[in-house]
Each structure stands twice: as structure tokens, then as C-alpha cells.
């Protein structure tokens, strides 16, 4: 469990009295519990995601029809996971003075889009994976056709959900979030990165090309998670830019750790097939730099990210802890 010192009162902080009577001023020292924070935020996101699915089914011309499509959407969206992307959105919104309420619809939409990307990534035409989060992938349960359509439905609904359910935010901010999210997913972001990734399999590529793949395939969505939270919370241009730089750094560090874990972790730990990158001769950071240098680069990026949060001091404890979590995770 990771703890970080803080003077900010937070429901996820624990009071610890000083053990030296000579130093005890009767003011408790508070420590931030990342474990408690993640548990609470994951529960919040899970509840909101269930509500989003209920709203989607209820809005159909015949509520819940076609049922197999909704079953496929629910199967992957509610399959668990760290919920890191919506949590980053909520944390950034709070950091600039916004509330959880204004960011929650976008946080849900971000998880819908992330889920879409996993469903489509796992397809035989893409990464051809049989397991995701410890159970059969969507296309193994519902078929390739339904998996594609479930991903498409989640992607479209994500944008509808932001537009329809975001409240208490000026319309121009909502439009900016939608525009940035579209760019992060399209040819300028996730899709573009996936194309270059597919074209690079079995090829010898440069570190620059690998950076491009992951800055777009993984980093673009992580960045917009943080930036959208800042926009919805009313962050200043300077604050939003700092958080954008923070997110870019943790996004690349996240992917480097993914590459490392594909080599060092078991399938049981990952919840998906380990060693898949090497099997398809996919270029990774460990294959270019080695494990030790890759870990060092990830650590360096996390320090770069944390430096962007210095103006907020202890108010940024949740984002600081999440940054460290990226290089400490085991799956």
C-alpha cells in the first residue's frame, strides 16, 4: 500500500498521532492512502457506469432491444479493471477546483471509449487475444460481428453521454472536451497509433516510431482524460497546460510499464496472454533498450510528470500517488 504525506484533509487520509510526547502538538499528521482512494473512486465509477448502461437501454425505441448488443456492451464495460482513466479525469477536475458531479459523465465516456479500444484490439484482425481481464474476450463470447458492433455502440454512446448528461458546465467547455476527445480517438490519436502499430509488426523500427505509436495509441487517450477534467473544472490555460504535460509523461511511462510487464509478468497476473508482443515480433521498449533501461526511462518520466504538479503542493496528492502507481503496478 502506498502512502503519501499530506496536510490536506481527505476522507482517504488516516490520522497518525506523533509517538514522541515532546514533539506531539496534538495535531495529527495525515497520510494519503492510495489504496483507499482507488477503492472509493472505483466504486463511484462502477456505479456511474451501471447507470449509464441503464440509461442507454431505457432510451432504445424498444427498451433493452436488441438484447444481445446490450449484453455484449455490458460484458466488457463492467469487466472490472483499474478504471484509471476516469479516475484521472475526476482527480484533475477536483485539483483545479471543480466537482466530481461535473466530470462524472465524461469520466464514464472515457471508460466507454477505452473499453471499445480493448474490444477492437482483441479481435483476430488486430491483436487476436483470447483473454482480457482474466476472462474470454468479447469476440470469443459474442462473436466477431457483435464485438465490433458493441465497440462501435460504446464509442458513439460516449459522445452522446457527455453532451446529454454533463450539467453545470458552460457549453463551450463541453464542446471543447468533445472536440479534444474526438481528436484523441481518431486518425490523429488512438486509431492512427493502432495503424502504425499493426504496420510495424515484424519490422525493425526506430525508437521515434515506437514513441509515435504509444503516444497516439495509449498516450492520447490518457492525456485527454486529464485535460478534459481540467477543462470541465474550470482550470486556467496554464493549469491545463501543466496537466497536459503531466499526462503526456505518465502516458508514455504507462506504456513502457505495459511492455515490461508483458515480459516479466504471468498471464494470471496480467489477466491476458503474457509474452504476446514477442510472439508476434512487435517492437517494444524492452526489445529496443532492455528491461533495466526501460524501467529507468519509466521512472524518469514519472519524475518529469510529478514536477508539473509542484505549484499545487499537497493538493495534488492523488495525482502524485497515481503517477507513482504506474511504475509500481503488477498488471
C-alpha atoms as a PDB file:
ATOM      1  CA  UNK A   1       0.000   0.000   0.000  1.00  0.00           C
ATOM      2  CA  UNK A   2       1.377   3.441  -0.928  1.00  0.00           C
ATOM      3  CA  UNK A   3       1.109   6.350   1.489  1.00  0.00           C
ATOM      4  CA  UNK A   4       1.968   9.977   0.845  1.00  0.00           C
ATOM      5  CA  UNK A   5       2.318  12.710   3.465  1.00  0.00           C
ATOM      6  CA  UNK A   6      -0.197  15.492   3.231  1.00  0.00           C
ATOM      7  CA  UNK A   7      -1.769  18.273   5.236  1.00  0.00           C
ATOM      8  CA  UNK A   8      -4.946  18.213   3.169  1.00  0.00           C
ATOM      9  CA  UNK A   9      -7.968  16.726   4.880  1.00  0.00           C
ATOM     10  CA  UNK A  10      -9.364  13.944   2.769  1.00  0.00           C
ATOM     11  CA  UNK A  11     -11.732  11.042   3.504  1.00  0.00           C
ATOM     12  CA  UNK A  12      -8.971   8.728   2.319  1.00  0.00           C
ATOM     13  CA  UNK A  13      -6.443  10.081   4.811  1.00  0.00           C
ATOM     14  CA  UNK A  14      -5.639   8.469   8.141  1.00  0.00           C
ATOM     15  CA  UNK A  15      -4.691  10.395  11.254  1.00  0.00           C
ATOM     16  CA  UNK A  16      -1.466   9.254  12.925  1.00  0.00           C
ATOM     17  CA  UNK A  17      -0.503  10.763  16.274  1.00  0.00           C
ATOM     18  CA  UNK A  18       3.155  11.510  16.899  1.00  0.00           C
ATOM     19  CA  UNK A  19       4.769   8.838  19.099  1.00  0.00           C
ATOM     20  CA  UNK A  20       7.174  11.308  20.760  1.00  0.00           C
ATOM     21  CA  UNK A  21       5.347  13.274  23.516  1.00  0.00           C
ATOM     22  CA  UNK A  22       7.928  16.058  23.250  1.00  0.00           C
ATOM     23  CA  UNK A  23       7.037  16.599  19.626  1.00  0.00           C
ATOM     24  CA  UNK A  24       3.310  15.960  19.868  1.00  0.00           C
ATOM     25  CA  UNK A  25       1.350  19.177  19.306  1.00  0.00           C
ATOM     26  CA  UNK A  26      -1.984  17.304  19.312  1.00  0.00           C
ATOM     27  CA  UNK A  27      -2.291  17.964  15.583  1.00  0.00           C
ATOM     28  CA  UNK A  28      -2.457  14.673  13.677  1.00  0.00           C
ATOM     29  CA  UNK A  29      -0.187  14.015  10.713  1.00  0.00           C
ATOM     30  CA  UNK A  30      -2.276  12.829   7.822  1.00  0.00           C
ATOM     31  CA  UNK A  31      -1.192  10.336   5.206  1.00  0.00           C
ATOM     32  CA  UNK A  32      -2.866   9.729   1.871  1.00  0.00           C
ATOM     33  CA  UNK A  33      -3.894   6.131   1.221  1.00  0.00           C
ATOM     34  CA  UNK A  34      -3.858   5.377  -2.472  1.00  0.00           C
ATOM     35  CA  UNK A  35      -5.473   2.017  -1.827  1.00  0.00           C
ATOM     36  CA  UNK A  36      -8.453   3.630  -0.081  1.00  0.00           C
ATOM     37  CA  UNK A  37      -8.652   6.353  -2.727  1.00  0.00           C
ATOM     38  CA  UNK A  38      -8.713   3.877  -5.613  1.00  0.00           C
ATOM     39  CA  UNK A  39     -11.297   1.689  -3.893  1.00  0.00           C
ATOM     40  CA  UNK A  40     -13.612   4.634  -3.291  1.00  0.00           C
ATOM     41  CA  UNK A  41     -13.189   6.078  -6.795  1.00  0.00           C
ATOM     42  CA  UNK A  42     -13.558   2.702  -8.497  1.00  0.00           C
ATOM     43  CA  UNK A  43     -16.828   2.168  -6.619  1.00  0.00           C
ATOM     44  CA  UNK A  44     -18.034   5.620  -7.713  1.00  0.00           C
ATOM     45  CA  UNK A  45     -17.147   4.950 -11.356  1.00  0.00           C
ATOM     46  CA  UNK A  46     -18.662   1.452 -11.362  1.00  0.00           C
ATOM     47  CA  UNK A  47     -21.962   2.809 -10.042  1.00  0.00           C
ATOM     48  CA  UNK A  48     -21.981   5.586 -12.645  1.00  0.00           C
ATOM     49  CA  UNK A  49     -21.177   3.144 -15.457  1.00  0.00           C
ATOM     50  CA  UNK A  50     -24.063   0.880 -14.455  1.00  0.00           C
ATOM     51  CA  UNK A  51     -26.369   3.898 -14.513  1.00  0.00           C
ATOM     52  CA  UNK A  52     -25.057   4.886 -17.951  1.00  0.00           C
ATOM     53  CA  UNK A  53     -25.894   1.434 -19.328  1.00  0.00           C
ATOM     54  CA  UNK A  54     -29.358   1.555 -17.799  1.00  0.00           C
ATOM     55  CA  UNK A  55     -29.963   4.907 -19.441  1.00  0.00           C
ATOM     56  CA  UNK A  56     -28.757   3.567 -22.778  1.00  0.00           C
ATOM     57  CA  UNK A  57     -31.057   0.539 -22.649  1.00  0.00           C
ATOM     58  CA  UNK A  58     -34.019   2.617 -21.492  1.00  0.00           C
ATOM     59  CA  UNK A  59     -33.574   5.083 -24.362  1.00  0.00           C
ATOM     60  CA  UNK A  60     -33.987   2.406 -27.054  1.00  0.00           C
ATOM     61  CA  UNK A  61     -37.212   2.513 -29.084  1.00  0.00           C
ATOM     62  CA  UNK A  62     -37.992  -0.839 -27.502  1.00  0.00           C
ATOM     63  CA  UNK A  63     -36.181  -0.661 -24.136  1.00  0.00           C
ATOM     64  CA  UNK A  64     -33.361  -3.218 -23.954  1.00  0.00           C
ATOM     65  CA  UNK A  65     -33.690  -4.257 -27.598  1.00  0.00           C
ATOM     66  CA  UNK A  66     -31.605  -5.721 -29.200  1.00  0.00           C
ATOM     67  CA  UNK A  67     -30.626  -7.548 -26.002  1.00  0.00           C
ATOM     68  CA  UNK A  68     -27.528  -9.316 -27.328  1.00  0.00           C
ATOM     69  CA  UNK A  69     -25.917  -5.992 -28.213  1.00  0.00           C
ATOM     70  CA  UNK A  70     -26.500  -4.614 -24.715  1.00  0.00           C
ATOM     71  CA  UNK A  71     -25.216  -7.864 -23.205  1.00  0.00           C
ATOM     72  CA  UNK A  72     -22.000  -7.531 -25.223  1.00  0.00           C
ATOM     73  CA  UNK A  73     -21.563  -3.877 -24.230  1.00  0.00           C
ATOM     74  CA  UNK A  74     -22.131  -4.707 -20.561  1.00  0.00           C
ATOM     75  CA  UNK A  75     -19.836  -7.754 -20.668  1.00  0.00           C
ATOM     76  CA  UNK A  76     -16.773  -5.662 -21.466  1.00  0.00           C
ATOM     77  CA  UNK A  77     -17.679  -2.332 -19.869  1.00  0.00           C
ATOM     78  CA  UNK A  78     -18.381  -3.955 -16.496  1.00  0.00           C
ATOM     79  CA  UNK A  79     -15.482  -6.433 -16.618  1.00  0.00           C
ATOM     80  CA  UNK A  80     -13.593  -4.594 -13.896  1.00  0.00           C
ATOM     81  CA  UNK A  81     -10.158  -3.128 -14.389  1.00  0.00           C
ATOM     82  CA  UNK A  82      -8.310  -0.295 -12.681  1.00  0.00           C
ATOM     83  CA  UNK A  83     -10.654   2.440 -14.005  1.00  0.00           C
ATOM     84  CA  UNK A  84      -7.526   4.589 -14.157  1.00  0.00           C
ATOM     85  CA  UNK A  85      -8.721   6.816 -16.994  1.00  0.00           C
ATOM     86  CA  UNK A  86     -11.967   8.020 -15.392  1.00  0.00           C
ATOM     87  CA  UNK A  87     -10.185   8.377 -12.050  1.00  0.00           C
ATOM     88  CA  UNK A  88      -7.554  10.628 -13.655  1.00  0.00           C
ATOM     89  CA  UNK A  89     -10.336  12.761 -15.125  1.00  0.00           C
ATOM     90  CA  UNK A  90     -12.035  13.158 -11.758  1.00  0.00           C
ATOM     91  CA  UNK A  91      -8.759  13.910  -9.953  1.00  0.00           C
ATOM     92  CA  UNK A  92      -7.767  16.618 -12.452  1.00  0.00           C
ATOM     93  CA  UNK A  93     -11.189  18.239 -12.217  1.00  0.00           C
ATOM     94  CA  UNK A  94     -11.000  18.374  -8.428  1.00  0.00           C
ATOM     95  CA  UNK A  95      -7.441  19.718  -8.493  1.00  0.00           C
ATOM     96  CA  UNK A  96      -8.477  22.866 -10.399  1.00  0.00           C
ATOM     97  CA  UNK A  97     -11.491  23.436  -8.167  1.00  0.00           C
ATOM     98  CA  UNK A  98     -14.233  21.516  -9.984  1.00  0.00           C
ATOM     99  CA  UNK A  99     -16.625  18.954  -8.564  1.00  0.00           C
ATOM    100  CA  UNK A 100     -16.970  15.245  -9.203  1.00  0.00           C
ATOM    101  CA  UNK A 101     -20.500  15.825 -10.493  1.00  0.00           C
ATOM    102  CA  UNK A 102     -19.460  17.915 -13.476  1.00  0.00           C
ATOM    103  CA  UNK A 103     -16.743  15.440 -14.543  1.00  0.00           C
ATOM    104  CA  UNK A 104     -18.525  12.134 -13.946  1.00  0.00           C
ATOM    105  CA  UNK A 105     -20.352  11.873 -17.323  1.00  0.00           C
ATOM    106  CA  UNK A 106     -17.082  12.471 -19.164  1.00  0.00           C
ATOM    107  CA  UNK A 107     -15.278  10.031 -16.874  1.00  0.00           C
ATOM    108  CA  UNK A 108     -17.825   7.365 -17.851  1.00  0.00           C
ATOM    109  CA  UNK A 109     -17.473   8.236 -21.529  1.00  0.00           C
ATOM    110  CA  UNK A 110     -13.699   7.853 -21.312  1.00  0.00           C
ATOM    111  CA  UNK A 111     -14.104   4.344 -19.919  1.00  0.00           C
ATOM    112  CA  UNK A 112     -16.579   3.506 -22.690  1.00  0.00           C
ATOM    113  CA  UNK A 113     -14.028   4.569 -25.306  1.00  0.00           C
ATOM    114  CA  UNK A 114     -11.208   2.721 -23.566  1.00  0.00           C
ATOM    115  CA  UNK A 115     -13.404  -0.392 -23.468  1.00  0.00           C
ATOM    116  CA  UNK A 116     -14.149  -0.019 -27.170  1.00  0.00           C
ATOM    117  CA  UNK A 117     -10.431   0.076 -27.892  1.00  0.00           C
ATOM    118  CA  UNK A 118      -9.871  -3.121 -25.892  1.00  0.00           C
ATOM    119  CA  UNK A 119     -12.725  -4.960 -27.633  1.00  0.00           C
ATOM    120  CA  UNK A 120     -11.396  -3.996 -31.059  1.00  0.00           C
ATOM    121  CA  UNK A 121      -7.723  -4.578 -30.117  1.00  0.00           C
ATOM    122  CA  UNK A 122      -8.539  -8.151 -29.143  1.00  0.00           C
ATOM    123  CA  UNK A 123     -10.138  -9.033 -32.490  1.00  0.00           C
ATOM    124  CA  UNK A 124      -8.415 -11.598 -34.743  1.00  0.00           C
ATOM    125  CA  UNK A 125      -7.740  -8.870 -37.325  1.00  0.00           C
ATOM    126  CA  UNK A 126      -5.880  -6.843 -34.677  1.00  0.00           C
ATOM    127  CA  UNK A 127      -4.021  -8.407 -31.722  1.00  0.00           C
ATOM    128  CA  UNK A 128      -6.015 -11.665 -31.760  1.00  0.00           C
ATOM    129  CA  UNK A 129      -6.266 -12.139 -27.989  1.00  0.00           C
ATOM    130  CA  UNK A 130      -8.369 -14.798 -26.277  1.00  0.00           C
ATOM    131  CA  UNK A 131      -8.410 -13.312 -22.771  1.00  0.00           C
ATOM    132  CA  UNK A 132      -8.916  -9.889 -21.269  1.00  0.00           C
ATOM    133  CA  UNK A 133      -9.115  -9.108 -17.546  1.00  0.00           C
ATOM    134  CA  UNK A 134      -8.968 -12.796 -16.724  1.00  0.00           C
ATOM    135  CA  UNK A 135     -11.877 -13.990 -18.874  1.00  0.00           C
ATOM    136  CA  UNK A 136     -12.617 -14.676 -22.556  1.00  0.00           C
ATOM    137  CA  UNK A 137     -12.501 -11.652 -24.816  1.00  0.00           C
ATOM    138  CA  UNK A 138     -15.712 -10.178 -26.188  1.00  0.00           C
ATOM    139  CA  UNK A 139     -15.486 -11.801 -29.605  1.00  0.00           C
ATOM    140  CA  UNK A 140     -14.886 -15.215 -28.016  1.00  0.00           C
ATOM    141  CA  UNK A 141     -18.216 -14.926 -26.197  1.00  0.00           C
ATOM    142  CA  UNK A 142     -20.397 -12.957 -28.621  1.00  0.00           C
ATOM    143  CA  UNK A 143     -18.682 -13.460 -31.993  1.00  0.00           C
ATOM    144  CA  UNK A 144     -16.571 -11.075 -34.041  1.00  0.00           C
ATOM    145  CA  UNK A 145     -19.541  -9.318 -35.618  1.00  0.00           C
ATOM    146  CA  UNK A 146     -21.175  -8.499 -32.294  1.00  0.00           C
ATOM    147  CA  UNK A 147     -17.857  -7.476 -30.724  1.00  0.00           C
ATOM    148  CA  UNK A 148     -17.261  -4.937 -33.491  1.00  0.00           C
ATOM    149  CA  UNK A 149     -20.789  -3.564 -33.120  1.00  0.00           C
ATOM    150  CA  UNK A 150     -20.582  -3.443 -29.319  1.00  0.00           C
ATOM    151  CA  UNK A 151     -17.379  -1.402 -29.606  1.00  0.00           C
ATOM    152  CA  UNK A 152     -18.998   0.895 -32.171  1.00  0.00           C
ATOM    153  CA  UNK A 153     -22.028   1.372 -29.913  1.00  0.00           C
ATOM    154  CA  UNK A 154     -19.870   2.253 -26.900  1.00  0.00           C
ATOM    155  CA  UNK A 155     -17.856   4.759 -28.943  1.00  0.00           C
ATOM    156  CA  UNK A 156     -20.939   6.542 -30.249  1.00  0.00           C
ATOM    157  CA  UNK A 157     -22.714   6.492 -26.895  1.00  0.00           C
ATOM    158  CA  UNK A 158     -19.678   8.022 -25.182  1.00  0.00           C
ATOM    159  CA  UNK A 159     -20.071  11.287 -27.095  1.00  0.00           C
ATOM    160  CA  UNK A 160     -23.839  11.282 -26.624  1.00  0.00           C
ATOM    161  CA  UNK A 161     -23.393  10.747 -22.903  1.00  0.00           C
ATOM    162  CA  UNK A 162     -21.110  13.748 -22.478  1.00  0.00           C
ATOM    163  CA  UNK A 163     -23.419  16.025 -24.441  1.00  0.00           C
ATOM    164  CA  UNK A 164     -26.629  14.803 -22.810  1.00  0.00           C
ATOM    165  CA  UNK A 165     -25.685  14.395 -19.155  1.00  0.00           C
ATOM    166  CA  UNK A 166     -22.989  16.988 -18.383  1.00  0.00           C
ATOM    167  CA  UNK A 167     -24.588  19.665 -16.212  1.00  0.00           C
ATOM    168  CA  UNK A 168     -23.379  22.840 -14.543  1.00  0.00           C
ATOM    169  CA  UNK A 169     -20.661  23.464 -17.150  1.00  0.00           C
ATOM    170  CA  UNK A 170     -20.627  26.241 -19.777  1.00  0.00           C
ATOM    171  CA  UNK A 171     -21.478  24.764 -23.212  1.00  0.00           C
ATOM    172  CA  UNK A 172     -18.194  25.921 -24.730  1.00  0.00           C
ATOM    173  CA  UNK A 173     -16.263  23.776 -22.250  1.00  0.00           C
ATOM    174  CA  UNK A 174     -18.364  20.730 -23.066  1.00  0.00           C
ATOM    175  CA  UNK A 175     -17.776  21.319 -26.793  1.00  0.00           C
ATOM    176  CA  UNK A 176     -14.024  21.624 -26.212  1.00  0.00           C
ATOM    177  CA  UNK A 177     -13.992  18.319 -24.338  1.00  0.00           C
ATOM    178  CA  UNK A 178     -15.914  16.613 -27.159  1.00  0.00           C
ATOM    179  CA  UNK A 179     -13.556  18.085 -29.773  1.00  0.00           C
ATOM    180  CA  UNK A 180     -10.418  17.028 -27.890  1.00  0.00           C
ATOM    181  CA  UNK A 181     -11.800  13.566 -27.224  1.00  0.00           C
ATOM    182  CA  UNK A 182     -12.637  13.095 -30.902  1.00  0.00           C
ATOM    183  CA  UNK A 183      -9.094  14.076 -31.883  1.00  0.00           C
ATOM    184  CA  UNK A 184      -7.625  11.720 -29.273  1.00  0.00           C
ATOM    185  CA  UNK A 185      -9.527   8.758 -30.720  1.00  0.00           C
ATOM    186  CA  UNK A 186      -9.393   9.462 -34.477  1.00  0.00           C
ATOM    187  CA  UNK A 187      -6.566   9.209 -37.034  1.00  0.00           C
ATOM    188  CA  UNK A 188      -4.801  11.934 -35.046  1.00  0.00           C
ATOM    189  CA  UNK A 189      -4.777   9.752 -31.946  1.00  0.00           C
ATOM    190  CA  UNK A 190      -5.665   6.202 -30.950  1.00  0.00           C
ATOM    191  CA  UNK A 191      -6.656   4.928 -34.401  1.00  0.00           C
ATOM    192  CA  UNK A 192      -3.561   6.407 -36.033  1.00  0.00           C
ATOM    193  CA  UNK A 193      -1.323   4.824 -33.418  1.00  0.00           C
ATOM    194  CA  UNK A 194      -3.002   1.457 -33.906  1.00  0.00           C
ATOM    195  CA  UNK A 195      -2.443   1.619 -37.670  1.00  0.00           C
ATOM    196  CA  UNK A 196       1.287   2.277 -37.301  1.00  0.00           C
ATOM    197  CA  UNK A 197       1.471  -0.447 -34.628  1.00  0.00           C
ATOM    198  CA  UNK A 198      -0.074  -3.011 -36.989  1.00  0.00           C
ATOM    199  CA  UNK A 199       2.136  -1.967 -39.886  1.00  0.00           C
ATOM    200  CA  UNK A 200       5.249  -2.239 -37.703  1.00  0.00           C
ATOM    201  CA  UNK A 201       4.764  -5.852 -36.619  1.00  0.00           C
ATOM    202  CA  UNK A 202       7.747  -7.953 -37.654  1.00  0.00           C
ATOM    203  CA  UNK A 203       9.630  -4.819 -38.745  1.00  0.00           C
ATOM    204  CA  UNK A 204      12.713  -3.168 -37.303  1.00  0.00           C
ATOM    205  CA  UNK A 205      11.587   0.278 -36.229  1.00  0.00           C
ATOM    206  CA  UNK A 206      13.247   3.240 -34.539  1.00  0.00           C
ATOM    207  CA  UNK A 207      12.632   4.492 -31.021  1.00  0.00           C
ATOM    208  CA  UNK A 208      10.977   7.535 -32.615  1.00  0.00           C
ATOM    209  CA  UNK A 209       8.428   5.357 -34.411  1.00  0.00           C
ATOM    210  CA  UNK A 210       7.752   3.394 -31.229  1.00  0.00           C
ATOM    211  CA  UNK A 211       7.236   6.671 -29.366  1.00  0.00           C
ATOM    212  CA  UNK A 212       4.760   7.749 -32.052  1.00  0.00           C
ATOM    213  CA  UNK A 213       2.804   4.503 -31.728  1.00  0.00           C
ATOM    214  CA  UNK A 214       2.431   4.734 -27.983  1.00  0.00           C
ATOM    215  CA  UNK A 215       1.981   8.491 -27.731  1.00  0.00           C
ATOM    216  CA  UNK A 216      -1.015   8.059 -30.023  1.00  0.00           C
ATOM    217  CA  UNK A 217      -2.337   4.573 -29.247  1.00  0.00           C
ATOM    218  CA  UNK A 218      -2.095   4.913 -25.454  1.00  0.00           C
ATOM    219  CA  UNK A 219      -0.923   8.403 -24.566  1.00  0.00           C
ATOM    220  CA  UNK A 220      -3.507  10.445 -26.462  1.00  0.00           C
ATOM    221  CA  UNK A 221      -6.442   8.985 -24.544  1.00  0.00           C
ATOM    222  CA  UNK A 222      -4.652   9.246 -21.190  1.00  0.00           C
ATOM    223  CA  UNK A 223      -3.837  12.873 -21.919  1.00  0.00           C
ATOM    224  CA  UNK A 224      -7.402  13.800 -22.807  1.00  0.00           C
ATOM    225  CA  UNK A 225      -8.607  12.099 -19.607  1.00  0.00           C
ATOM    226  CA  UNK A 226      -6.589  14.543 -17.520  1.00  0.00           C
ATOM    227  CA  UNK A 227      -7.106  17.586 -19.753  1.00  0.00           C
ATOM    228  CA  UNK A 228     -10.870  17.098 -20.016  1.00  0.00           C
ATOM    229  CA  UNK A 229     -11.089  17.025 -16.218  1.00  0.00           C
ATOM    230  CA  UNK A 230      -9.173  20.297 -16.049  1.00  0.00           C
ATOM    231  CA  UNK A 231     -11.386  21.927 -18.687  1.00  0.00           C
ATOM    232  CA  UNK A 232     -14.629  20.839 -17.022  1.00  0.00           C
ATOM    233  CA  UNK A 233     -13.346  22.009 -13.646  1.00  0.00           C
ATOM    234  CA  UNK A 234     -12.594  25.490 -14.982  1.00  0.00           C
ATOM    235  CA  UNK A 235      -8.812  25.232 -14.954  1.00  0.00           C
ATOM    236  CA  UNK A 236      -6.815  28.161 -16.319  1.00  0.00           C
ATOM    237  CA  UNK A 237      -4.853  27.764 -19.586  1.00  0.00           C
ATOM    238  CA  UNK A 238      -1.631  27.470 -17.562  1.00  0.00           C
ATOM    239  CA  UNK A 239      -3.107  24.825 -15.272  1.00  0.00           C
ATOM    240  CA  UNK A 240      -4.490  22.875 -18.212  1.00  0.00           C
ATOM    241  CA  UNK A 241      -1.123  23.012 -19.989  1.00  0.00           C
ATOM    242  CA  UNK A 242       0.711  21.761 -16.903  1.00  0.00           C
ATOM    243  CA  UNK A 243      -1.736  18.889 -16.548  1.00  0.00           C
ATOM    244  CA  UNK A 244      -1.377  18.104 -20.250  1.00  0.00           C
ATOM    245  CA  UNK A 245       2.405  17.770 -19.838  1.00  0.00           C
ATOM    246  CA  UNK A 246       1.869  15.656 -16.725  1.00  0.00           C
ATOM    247  CA  UNK A 247      -0.449  13.349 -18.653  1.00  0.00           C
ATOM    248  CA  UNK A 248       1.878  13.006 -21.654  1.00  0.00           C
ATOM    249  CA  UNK A 249       4.679  11.852 -19.384  1.00  0.00           C
ATOM    250  CA  UNK A 250       2.611   9.349 -17.408  1.00  0.00           C
ATOM    251  CA  UNK A 251       1.042   8.077 -20.646  1.00  0.00           C
ATOM    252  CA  UNK A 252       4.411   7.077 -22.086  1.00  0.00           C
ATOM    253  CA  UNK A 253       5.541   5.679 -18.731  1.00  0.00           C
ATOM    254  CA  UNK A 254       2.346   3.610 -18.592  1.00  0.00           C
ATOM    255  CA  UNK A 255       3.081   2.046 -21.972  1.00  0.00           C
ATOM    256  CA  UNK A 256       6.709   1.331 -21.099  1.00  0.00           C
ATOM    257  CA  UNK A 257       5.498  -0.500 -17.994  1.00  0.00           C
ATOM    258  CA  UNK A 258       2.975  -2.427 -20.139  1.00  0.00           C
ATOM    259  CA  UNK A 259       5.865  -3.549 -22.333  1.00  0.00           C
ATOM    260  CA  UNK A 260       7.906  -4.552 -19.291  1.00  0.00           C
ATOM    261  CA  UNK A 261       5.038  -6.473 -17.723  1.00  0.00           C
ATOM    262  CA  UNK A 262       4.412  -8.354 -20.967  1.00  0.00           C
ATOM    263  CA  UNK A 263       7.900  -9.797 -20.486  1.00  0.00           C
ATOM    264  CA  UNK A 264       8.065 -10.162 -16.700  1.00  0.00           C
ATOM    265  CA  UNK A 265       4.503 -10.941 -15.535  1.00  0.00           C
ATOM    266  CA  UNK A 266       2.448 -14.102 -15.919  1.00  0.00           C
ATOM    267  CA  UNK A 267      -0.817 -14.416 -17.822  1.00  0.00           C
ATOM    268  CA  UNK A 268      -2.594 -14.869 -14.483  1.00  0.00           C
ATOM    269  CA  UNK A 269      -1.171 -11.584 -13.187  1.00  0.00           C
ATOM    270  CA  UNK A 270      -1.993  -9.688 -16.364  1.00  0.00           C
ATOM    271  CA  UNK A 271      -5.430 -11.189 -16.951  1.00  0.00           C
ATOM    272  CA  UNK A 272      -4.430 -11.632 -20.602  1.00  0.00           C
ATOM    273  CA  UNK A 273      -1.873 -13.617 -22.578  1.00  0.00           C
ATOM    274  CA  UNK A 274       1.676 -12.765 -21.490  1.00  0.00           C
ATOM    275  CA  UNK A 275       4.550 -12.681 -23.992  1.00  0.00           C
ATOM    276  CA  UNK A 276       2.208 -11.777 -26.850  1.00  0.00           C
ATOM    277  CA  UNK A 277       4.361  -8.875 -28.083  1.00  0.00           C
ATOM    278  CA  UNK A 278       7.405 -11.070 -28.534  1.00  0.00           C
ATOM    279  CA  UNK A 279       5.351 -13.828 -30.176  1.00  0.00           C
ATOM    280  CA  UNK A 280       4.205 -11.510 -32.975  1.00  0.00           C
ATOM    281  CA  UNK A 281       7.590  -9.767 -33.185  1.00  0.00           C
ATOM    282  CA  UNK A 282       6.152  -6.467 -32.033  1.00  0.00           C
ATOM    283  CA  UNK A 283       8.683  -3.750 -31.222  1.00  0.00           C
ATOM    284  CA  UNK A 284       8.647  -2.786 -27.547  1.00  0.00           C
ATOM    285  CA  UNK A 285      10.795  -0.650 -25.284  1.00  0.00           C
ATOM    286  CA  UNK A 286      12.472  -3.670 -23.654  1.00  0.00           C
ATOM    287  CA  UNK A 287      13.281  -5.088 -27.102  1.00  0.00           C
ATOM    288  CA  UNK A 288      14.952  -1.789 -28.075  1.00  0.00           C
ATOM    289  CA  UNK A 289      16.560  -0.759 -24.781  1.00  0.00           C
ATOM    290  CA  UNK A 290      16.468  -3.790 -22.479  1.00  0.00           C
ATOM    291  CA  UNK A 291      14.487  -4.169 -19.248  1.00  0.00           C
ATOM    292  CA  UNK A 292      16.755  -2.131 -16.969  1.00  0.00           C
ATOM    293  CA  UNK A 293      16.951   0.894 -19.261  1.00  0.00           C
ATOM    294  CA  UNK A 294      13.198   0.707 -19.911  1.00  0.00           C
ATOM    295  CA  UNK A 295      12.445   0.775 -16.183  1.00  0.00           C
ATOM    296  CA  UNK A 296      14.840   3.699 -15.733  1.00  0.00           C
ATOM    297  CA  UNK A 297      13.088   5.616 -18.529  1.00  0.00           C
ATOM    298  CA  UNK A 298       9.678   4.985 -16.965  1.00  0.00           C
ATOM    299  CA  UNK A 299      10.949   6.246 -13.600  1.00  0.00           C
ATOM    300  CA  UNK A 300      12.415   9.342 -15.281  1.00  0.00           C
ATOM    301  CA  UNK A 301       9.119  10.107 -16.989  1.00  0.00           C
ATOM    302  CA  UNK A 302       7.239   9.829 -13.699  1.00  0.00           C
ATOM    303  CA  UNK A 303       9.583  12.343 -12.088  1.00  0.00           C
ATOM    304  CA  UNK A 304       9.076  14.670 -15.062  1.00  0.00           C
ATOM    305  CA  UNK A 305       5.320  14.307 -14.663  1.00  0.00           C
ATOM    306  CA  UNK A 306       5.371  14.988 -10.934  1.00  0.00           C
ATOM    307  CA  UNK A 307       7.426  18.152 -11.462  1.00  0.00           C
ATOM    308  CA  UNK A 308       4.470  19.620 -13.385  1.00  0.00           C
ATOM    309  CA  UNK A 309       2.341  19.336 -10.241  1.00  0.00           C
ATOM    310  CA  UNK A 310       4.691  21.301  -7.958  1.00  0.00           C
ATOM    311  CA  UNK A 311       2.610  24.539  -7.984  1.00  0.00           C
ATOM    312  CA  UNK A 312      -0.275  22.679  -6.308  1.00  0.00           C
ATOM    313  CA  UNK A 313       1.811  21.203  -3.496  1.00  0.00           C
ATOM    314  CA  UNK A 314      -0.057  18.677  -1.340  1.00  0.00           C
ATOM    315  CA  UNK A 315      -3.336  19.454  -3.137  1.00  0.00           C
ATOM    316  CA  UNK A 316      -2.054  17.244  -5.954  1.00  0.00           C
ATOM    317  CA  UNK A 317      -1.551  14.231  -3.678  1.00  0.00           C
ATOM    318  CA  UNK A 318      -3.971  11.999  -5.606  1.00  0.00           C
ATOM    319  CA  UNK A 319      -2.311  12.644  -8.981  1.00  0.00           C
ATOM    320  CA  UNK A 320       1.154  12.288  -7.453  1.00  0.00           C
ATOM    321  CA  UNK A 321       0.156   8.937  -5.980  1.00  0.00           C
ATOM    322  CA  UNK A 322      -1.402   7.799  -9.266  1.00  0.00           C
ATOM    323  CA  UNK A 323       1.824   8.695 -11.088  1.00  0.00           C
ATOM    324  CA  UNK A 324       3.849   6.515  -8.724  1.00  0.00           C
ATOM    325  CA  UNK A 325       1.280   3.744  -9.043  1.00  0.00           C
ATOM    326  CA  UNK A 326       2.023   3.470 -12.763  1.00  0.00           C
ATOM    327  CA  UNK A 327       5.564   2.242 -12.151  1.00  0.00           C
ATOM    328  CA  UNK A 328       4.630   0.078  -9.145  1.00  0.00           C
ATOM    329  CA  UNK A 329       1.711  -1.815 -10.704  1.00  0.00           C
ATOM    330  CA  UNK A 330       1.870  -5.527 -11.462  1.00  0.00           C
ATOM    331  CA  UNK A 331      -0.801  -5.662 -14.193  1.00  0.00           C
END
